[in-house]
């Protein structure tokens, strides 16, 4: 994933819900840059406030970080970030407003637009703004589109001249329900009541 992102200006990553697109891809990028002591400023959009907050908190919990330090979030007027924040989760509207105000995208090394299959006016305007700024001013910014379902051609058509690589799928998420496996006999219960897998 990192190699594909670094070698291409625009990448689309598709994976099923729960496979870790929203939480893991930004961390992969951040850790790669930290490993080589390279500067990075990653912004990740979420379509809803609660998603931006919960994903930021999840990433911080996974790494033992304080929210608002290395990783933070901004939704509406609530900004939980600092000068040290390298990974910012925000709503699509917040990023759109930042881009319109700054008239540049080079404040960021990586822009990740999550849930692009959920079409909205904000997402469409954000994608158009990103495309315009990439073409005119900031060719070195890496843009990644994350989506959970197939068949979303609008993004491809919108940025067709930039897309050189698509990752069709990441790892599938396999769920096992222990009650069901106990009923089918796929799991043994020992004499002491412990489940043996």
C-alpha atoms as a PDB file:
ATOM      1  CA  UNK A   1       0.000   0.000   0.000  1.00  0.00           C
ATOM      2  CA  UNK A   2       2.754   2.441   0.972  1.00  0.00           C
ATOM      3  CA  UNK A   3       4.743   1.726  -2.182  1.00  0.00           C
ATOM      4  CA  UNK A   4       1.688   2.312  -4.370  1.00  0.00           C
ATOM      5  CA  UNK A   5       0.826   5.566  -2.594  1.00  0.00           C
ATOM      6  CA  UNK A   6       4.384   6.892  -2.824  1.00  0.00           C
ATOM      7  CA  UNK A   7       4.745   6.005  -6.517  1.00  0.00           C
ATOM      8  CA  UNK A   8       1.427   7.501  -7.667  1.00  0.00           C
ATOM      9  CA  UNK A   9      -0.213  10.898  -7.178  1.00  0.00           C
ATOM     10  CA  UNK A  10      -3.713   9.428  -6.821  1.00  0.00           C
ATOM     11  CA  UNK A  11      -4.666   5.984  -5.532  1.00  0.00           C
ATOM     12  CA  UNK A  12      -8.003   4.328  -4.875  1.00  0.00           C
ATOM     13  CA  UNK A  13      -8.167   1.704  -2.129  1.00  0.00           C
ATOM     14  CA  UNK A  14     -11.193  -0.523  -1.860  1.00  0.00           C
ATOM     15  CA  UNK A  15     -11.919  -2.830   1.039  1.00  0.00           C
ATOM     16  CA  UNK A  16     -14.890  -4.220   2.884  1.00  0.00           C
ATOM     17  CA  UNK A  17     -16.285  -2.466   5.938  1.00  0.00           C
ATOM     18  CA  UNK A  18     -14.177  -3.247   8.981  1.00  0.00           C
ATOM     19  CA  UNK A  19     -10.972  -4.197   7.153  1.00  0.00           C
ATOM     20  CA  UNK A  20      -9.074  -1.190   8.539  1.00  0.00           C
ATOM     21  CA  UNK A  21      -9.008   1.274   5.637  1.00  0.00           C
ATOM     22  CA  UNK A  22      -9.869   4.270   7.793  1.00  0.00           C
ATOM     23  CA  UNK A  23      -7.585   3.478  10.729  1.00  0.00           C
ATOM     24  CA  UNK A  24      -4.658   1.568   9.242  1.00  0.00           C
ATOM     25  CA  UNK A  25      -3.841   3.282   5.927  1.00  0.00           C
ATOM     26  CA  UNK A  26      -3.149   6.681   7.568  1.00  0.00           C
ATOM     27  CA  UNK A  27      -1.022   4.967  10.227  1.00  0.00           C
ATOM     28  CA  UNK A  28       0.975   3.097   7.568  1.00  0.00           C
ATOM     29  CA  UNK A  29       1.813   6.429   5.940  1.00  0.00           C
ATOM     30  CA  UNK A  30       2.619   8.138   9.257  1.00  0.00           C
ATOM     31  CA  UNK A  31       4.871   5.319  10.503  1.00  0.00           C
ATOM     32  CA  UNK A  32       6.705   5.149   7.170  1.00  0.00           C
ATOM     33  CA  UNK A  33       7.494   8.859   7.382  1.00  0.00           C
ATOM     34  CA  UNK A  34       8.474   8.617  11.049  1.00  0.00           C
ATOM     35  CA  UNK A  35      10.786   5.693  10.263  1.00  0.00           C
ATOM     36  CA  UNK A  36      12.755   7.823   7.803  1.00  0.00           C
ATOM     37  CA  UNK A  37      12.366  11.058   9.815  1.00  0.00           C
ATOM     38  CA  UNK A  38      10.432  12.666   6.969  1.00  0.00           C
ATOM     39  CA  UNK A  39       7.897  15.428   7.512  1.00  0.00           C
ATOM     40  CA  UNK A  40       4.280  14.501   6.928  1.00  0.00           C
ATOM     41  CA  UNK A  41       0.941  16.175   7.449  1.00  0.00           C
ATOM     42  CA  UNK A  42      -1.945  13.811   6.746  1.00  0.00           C
ATOM     43  CA  UNK A  43      -5.584  14.838   6.618  1.00  0.00           C
ATOM     44  CA  UNK A  44      -8.318  12.200   6.489  1.00  0.00           C
ATOM     45  CA  UNK A  45     -11.940  13.067   5.801  1.00  0.00           C
ATOM     46  CA  UNK A  46     -14.967  11.286   7.183  1.00  0.00           C
ATOM     47  CA  UNK A  47     -18.525  11.960   6.023  1.00  0.00           C
ATOM     48  CA  UNK A  48     -19.868  12.390   9.572  1.00  0.00           C
ATOM     49  CA  UNK A  49     -18.663  14.102  12.766  1.00  0.00           C
ATOM     50  CA  UNK A  50     -19.040  11.007  14.931  1.00  0.00           C
ATOM     51  CA  UNK A  51     -16.937   8.979  12.479  1.00  0.00           C
ATOM     52  CA  UNK A  52     -14.111  11.548  12.455  1.00  0.00           C
ATOM     53  CA  UNK A  53     -14.035  11.656  16.256  1.00  0.00           C
ATOM     54  CA  UNK A  54     -14.281   7.902  16.799  1.00  0.00           C
ATOM     55  CA  UNK A  55     -11.633   7.014  14.189  1.00  0.00           C
ATOM     56  CA  UNK A  56      -9.205   9.573  15.661  1.00  0.00           C
ATOM     57  CA  UNK A  57      -9.812   8.190  19.158  1.00  0.00           C
ATOM     58  CA  UNK A  58      -9.352   4.631  17.893  1.00  0.00           C
ATOM     59  CA  UNK A  59      -5.989   5.451  16.278  1.00  0.00           C
ATOM     60  CA  UNK A  60      -4.837   7.166  19.485  1.00  0.00           C
ATOM     61  CA  UNK A  61      -5.988   4.225  21.613  1.00  0.00           C
ATOM     62  CA  UNK A  62      -4.158   1.734  19.376  1.00  0.00           C
ATOM     63  CA  UNK A  63      -0.903   3.641  19.859  1.00  0.00           C
ATOM     64  CA  UNK A  64      -1.264   4.925  23.418  1.00  0.00           C
ATOM     65  CA  UNK A  65      -1.323   8.552  22.269  1.00  0.00           C
ATOM     66  CA  UNK A  66      -3.167  11.485  23.796  1.00  0.00           C
ATOM     67  CA  UNK A  67      -5.917  12.734  21.511  1.00  0.00           C
ATOM     68  CA  UNK A  68      -4.905  16.094  20.056  1.00  0.00           C
ATOM     69  CA  UNK A  69      -1.186  15.339  20.074  1.00  0.00           C
ATOM     70  CA  UNK A  70       0.255  13.407  17.153  1.00  0.00           C
ATOM     71  CA  UNK A  71      -3.300  12.545  16.064  1.00  0.00           C
ATOM     72  CA  UNK A  72      -6.350  14.757  16.396  1.00  0.00           C
ATOM     73  CA  UNK A  73      -9.676  15.699  14.897  1.00  0.00           C
ATOM     74  CA  UNK A  74     -11.634  18.719  13.754  1.00  0.00           C
ATOM     75  CA  UNK A  75     -15.405  18.714  13.341  1.00  0.00           C
ATOM     76  CA  UNK A  76     -17.392  21.893  12.971  1.00  0.00           C
ATOM     77  CA  UNK A  77     -16.008  24.399  15.481  1.00  0.00           C
ATOM     78  CA  UNK A  78     -14.442  21.675  17.661  1.00  0.00           C
ATOM     79  CA  UNK A  79     -10.720  21.440  16.951  1.00  0.00           C
ATOM     80  CA  UNK A  80      -8.816  18.889  19.040  1.00  0.00           C
ATOM     81  CA  UNK A  81      -5.360  19.178  17.489  1.00  0.00           C
ATOM     82  CA  UNK A  82      -2.086  20.991  18.079  1.00  0.00           C
ATOM     83  CA  UNK A  83       0.978  22.238  16.239  1.00  0.00           C
ATOM     84  CA  UNK A  84       2.406  18.714  16.666  1.00  0.00           C
ATOM     85  CA  UNK A  85      -0.543  16.972  14.991  1.00  0.00           C
ATOM     86  CA  UNK A  86       0.600  15.029  11.923  1.00  0.00           C
ATOM     87  CA  UNK A  87      -2.607  13.044  11.428  1.00  0.00           C
ATOM     88  CA  UNK A  88      -5.876  14.984  11.416  1.00  0.00           C
ATOM     89  CA  UNK A  89      -9.290  13.399  10.987  1.00  0.00           C
ATOM     90  CA  UNK A  90     -12.005  15.830   9.964  1.00  0.00           C
ATOM     91  CA  UNK A  91     -15.339  16.009   8.235  1.00  0.00           C
ATOM     92  CA  UNK A  92     -15.416  16.508   4.489  1.00  0.00           C
ATOM     93  CA  UNK A  93     -16.870  19.980   5.018  1.00  0.00           C
ATOM     94  CA  UNK A  94     -13.989  21.038   7.271  1.00  0.00           C
ATOM     95  CA  UNK A  95     -11.398  20.044   4.654  1.00  0.00           C
ATOM     96  CA  UNK A  96     -13.378  21.746   1.896  1.00  0.00           C
ATOM     97  CA  UNK A  97     -13.461  24.980   3.915  1.00  0.00           C
ATOM     98  CA  UNK A  98      -9.714  24.744   4.640  1.00  0.00           C
ATOM     99  CA  UNK A  99      -8.916  24.247   0.942  1.00  0.00           C
ATOM    100  CA  UNK A 100     -11.155  27.093  -0.191  1.00  0.00           C
ATOM    101  CA  UNK A 101      -9.668  29.448   2.415  1.00  0.00           C
ATOM    102  CA  UNK A 102      -6.017  28.491   1.766  1.00  0.00           C
ATOM    103  CA  UNK A 103      -6.426  28.191  -2.025  1.00  0.00           C
ATOM    104  CA  UNK A 104      -3.737  25.516  -1.874  1.00  0.00           C
ATOM    105  CA  UNK A 105      -3.405  21.897  -0.874  1.00  0.00           C
ATOM    106  CA  UNK A 106       0.338  21.928  -0.194  1.00  0.00           C
ATOM    107  CA  UNK A 107      -0.231  22.298   3.558  1.00  0.00           C
ATOM    108  CA  UNK A 108      -0.644  18.520   3.433  1.00  0.00           C
ATOM    109  CA  UNK A 109       1.629  15.743   2.258  1.00  0.00           C
ATOM    110  CA  UNK A 110      -1.273  13.296   2.040  1.00  0.00           C
ATOM    111  CA  UNK A 111      -5.003  13.845   1.587  1.00  0.00           C
ATOM    112  CA  UNK A 112      -7.185  10.810   2.237  1.00  0.00           C
ATOM    113  CA  UNK A 113     -10.843  11.030   1.281  1.00  0.00           C
ATOM    114  CA  UNK A 114     -12.681   8.221   3.027  1.00  0.00           C
ATOM    115  CA  UNK A 115     -16.070   6.754   2.125  1.00  0.00           C
ATOM    116  CA  UNK A 116     -16.034   8.333  -1.341  1.00  0.00           C
ATOM    117  CA  UNK A 117     -18.813   5.983  -2.429  1.00  0.00           C
ATOM    118  CA  UNK A 118     -21.166   7.946  -0.153  1.00  0.00           C
ATOM    119  CA  UNK A 119     -21.992  10.689  -2.637  1.00  0.00           C
ATOM    120  CA  UNK A 120     -22.822  14.107  -1.216  1.00  0.00           C
ATOM    121  CA  UNK A 121     -22.484  17.693  -2.389  1.00  0.00           C
ATOM    122  CA  UNK A 122     -19.628  18.261   0.059  1.00  0.00           C
ATOM    123  CA  UNK A 123     -17.728  15.197  -1.179  1.00  0.00           C
ATOM    124  CA  UNK A 124     -18.252  16.132  -4.833  1.00  0.00           C
ATOM    125  CA  UNK A 125     -17.077  19.724  -4.244  1.00  0.00           C
ATOM    126  CA  UNK A 126     -14.114  18.497  -2.196  1.00  0.00           C
ATOM    127  CA  UNK A 127     -13.048  16.113  -4.959  1.00  0.00           C
ATOM    128  CA  UNK A 128     -13.384  18.866  -7.574  1.00  0.00           C
ATOM    129  CA  UNK A 129     -11.377  21.274  -5.407  1.00  0.00           C
ATOM    130  CA  UNK A 130      -8.662  18.669  -4.804  1.00  0.00           C
ATOM    131  CA  UNK A 131      -8.475  17.977  -8.533  1.00  0.00           C
ATOM    132  CA  UNK A 132      -8.193  21.669  -9.387  1.00  0.00           C
ATOM    133  CA  UNK A 133      -5.491  22.315  -6.782  1.00  0.00           C
ATOM    134  CA  UNK A 134      -3.520  19.214  -7.792  1.00  0.00           C
ATOM    135  CA  UNK A 135      -3.534  20.286 -11.435  1.00  0.00           C
ATOM    136  CA  UNK A 136      -2.617  23.902 -10.829  1.00  0.00           C
ATOM    137  CA  UNK A 137      -0.420  24.178  -7.780  1.00  0.00           C
ATOM    138  CA  UNK A 138       0.525  21.067  -5.852  1.00  0.00           C
ATOM    139  CA  UNK A 139       1.675  18.089  -7.892  1.00  0.00           C
ATOM    140  CA  UNK A 140       3.616  16.543  -4.967  1.00  0.00           C
ATOM    141  CA  UNK A 141       0.631  15.953  -2.677  1.00  0.00           C
ATOM    142  CA  UNK A 142      -0.503  12.325  -2.505  1.00  0.00           C
ATOM    143  CA  UNK A 143      -4.255  11.730  -2.669  1.00  0.00           C
ATOM    144  CA  UNK A 144      -5.912   8.472  -1.652  1.00  0.00           C
ATOM    145  CA  UNK A 145      -9.562   7.575  -2.053  1.00  0.00           C
ATOM    146  CA  UNK A 146     -10.922   4.941   0.316  1.00  0.00           C
ATOM    147  CA  UNK A 147     -14.162   3.185  -0.510  1.00  0.00           C
ATOM    148  CA  UNK A 148     -16.073   0.249   0.818  1.00  0.00           C
ATOM    149  CA  UNK A 149     -18.028  -0.910  -2.205  1.00  0.00           C
ATOM    150  CA  UNK A 150     -17.396  -1.542  -5.874  1.00  0.00           C
ATOM    151  CA  UNK A 151     -18.992   0.259  -8.789  1.00  0.00           C
ATOM    152  CA  UNK A 152     -18.143   3.850  -7.924  1.00  0.00           C
ATOM    153  CA  UNK A 153     -16.906   5.212 -11.236  1.00  0.00           C
ATOM    154  CA  UNK A 154     -17.417   8.935 -10.547  1.00  0.00           C
ATOM    155  CA  UNK A 155     -14.058   9.278  -8.790  1.00  0.00           C
ATOM    156  CA  UNK A 156     -12.294   7.481 -11.627  1.00  0.00           C
ATOM    157  CA  UNK A 157     -13.905   9.747 -14.196  1.00  0.00           C
ATOM    158  CA  UNK A 158     -13.228  12.844 -12.125  1.00  0.00           C
ATOM    159  CA  UNK A 159      -9.499  12.194 -11.761  1.00  0.00           C
ATOM    160  CA  UNK A 160      -8.873   9.866 -14.687  1.00  0.00           C
ATOM    161  CA  UNK A 161      -5.818  11.740 -15.912  1.00  0.00           C
ATOM    162  CA  UNK A 162      -4.107  11.238 -12.526  1.00  0.00           C
ATOM    163  CA  UNK A 163      -5.022   7.691 -11.522  1.00  0.00           C
ATOM    164  CA  UNK A 164      -2.290   5.261 -12.441  1.00  0.00           C
ATOM    165  CA  UNK A 165      -2.878   2.537  -9.893  1.00  0.00           C
ATOM    166  CA  UNK A 166      -5.825   1.022  -8.117  1.00  0.00           C
ATOM    167  CA  UNK A 167      -5.679  -1.399  -5.250  1.00  0.00           C
ATOM    168  CA  UNK A 168      -8.760  -3.512  -5.824  1.00  0.00           C
ATOM    169  CA  UNK A 169      -9.017  -5.067  -2.418  1.00  0.00           C
ATOM    170  CA  UNK A 170      -7.256  -5.308   0.880  1.00  0.00           C
ATOM    171  CA  UNK A 171      -7.623  -8.294   3.206  1.00  0.00           C
ATOM    172  CA  UNK A 172     -11.087  -9.644   3.798  1.00  0.00           C
ATOM    173  CA  UNK A 173     -12.465  -9.580   7.317  1.00  0.00           C
ATOM    174  CA  UNK A 174     -13.484 -13.035   8.507  1.00  0.00           C
ATOM    175  CA  UNK A 175     -15.870 -13.163  11.459  1.00  0.00           C
ATOM    176  CA  UNK A 176     -16.362 -16.222  13.626  1.00  0.00           C
ATOM    177  CA  UNK A 177     -19.264 -16.319  16.059  1.00  0.00           C
ATOM    178  CA  UNK A 178     -18.405 -18.592  18.954  1.00  0.00           C
ATOM    179  CA  UNK A 179     -22.025 -19.485  19.790  1.00  0.00           C
ATOM    180  CA  UNK A 180     -22.619 -20.704  16.241  1.00  0.00           C
ATOM    181  CA  UNK A 181     -19.398 -22.735  16.260  1.00  0.00           C
ATOM    182  CA  UNK A 182     -20.332 -24.296  19.602  1.00  0.00           C
ATOM    183  CA  UNK A 183     -23.682 -25.359  18.139  1.00  0.00           C
ATOM    184  CA  UNK A 184     -22.117 -26.880  15.022  1.00  0.00           C
ATOM    185  CA  UNK A 185     -19.410 -28.652  16.999  1.00  0.00           C
ATOM    186  CA  UNK A 186     -16.515 -26.787  15.343  1.00  0.00           C
ATOM    187  CA  UNK A 187     -15.192 -25.881  18.803  1.00  0.00           C
ATOM    188  CA  UNK A 188     -14.642 -28.283  21.681  1.00  0.00           C
ATOM    189  CA  UNK A 189     -15.508 -27.441  25.254  1.00  0.00           C
ATOM    190  CA  UNK A 190     -13.119 -29.059  27.716  1.00  0.00           C
ATOM    191  CA  UNK A 191     -14.089 -30.735  30.999  1.00  0.00           C
ATOM    192  CA  UNK A 192     -13.410 -27.523  32.903  1.00  0.00           C
ATOM    193  CA  UNK A 193     -15.728 -25.481  30.626  1.00  0.00           C
ATOM    194  CA  UNK A 194     -12.879 -23.811  28.694  1.00  0.00           C
ATOM    195  CA  UNK A 195     -13.320 -23.353  24.971  1.00  0.00           C
ATOM    196  CA  UNK A 196     -10.640 -25.049  22.867  1.00  0.00           C
ATOM    197  CA  UNK A 197     -10.127 -23.711  19.345  1.00  0.00           C
END
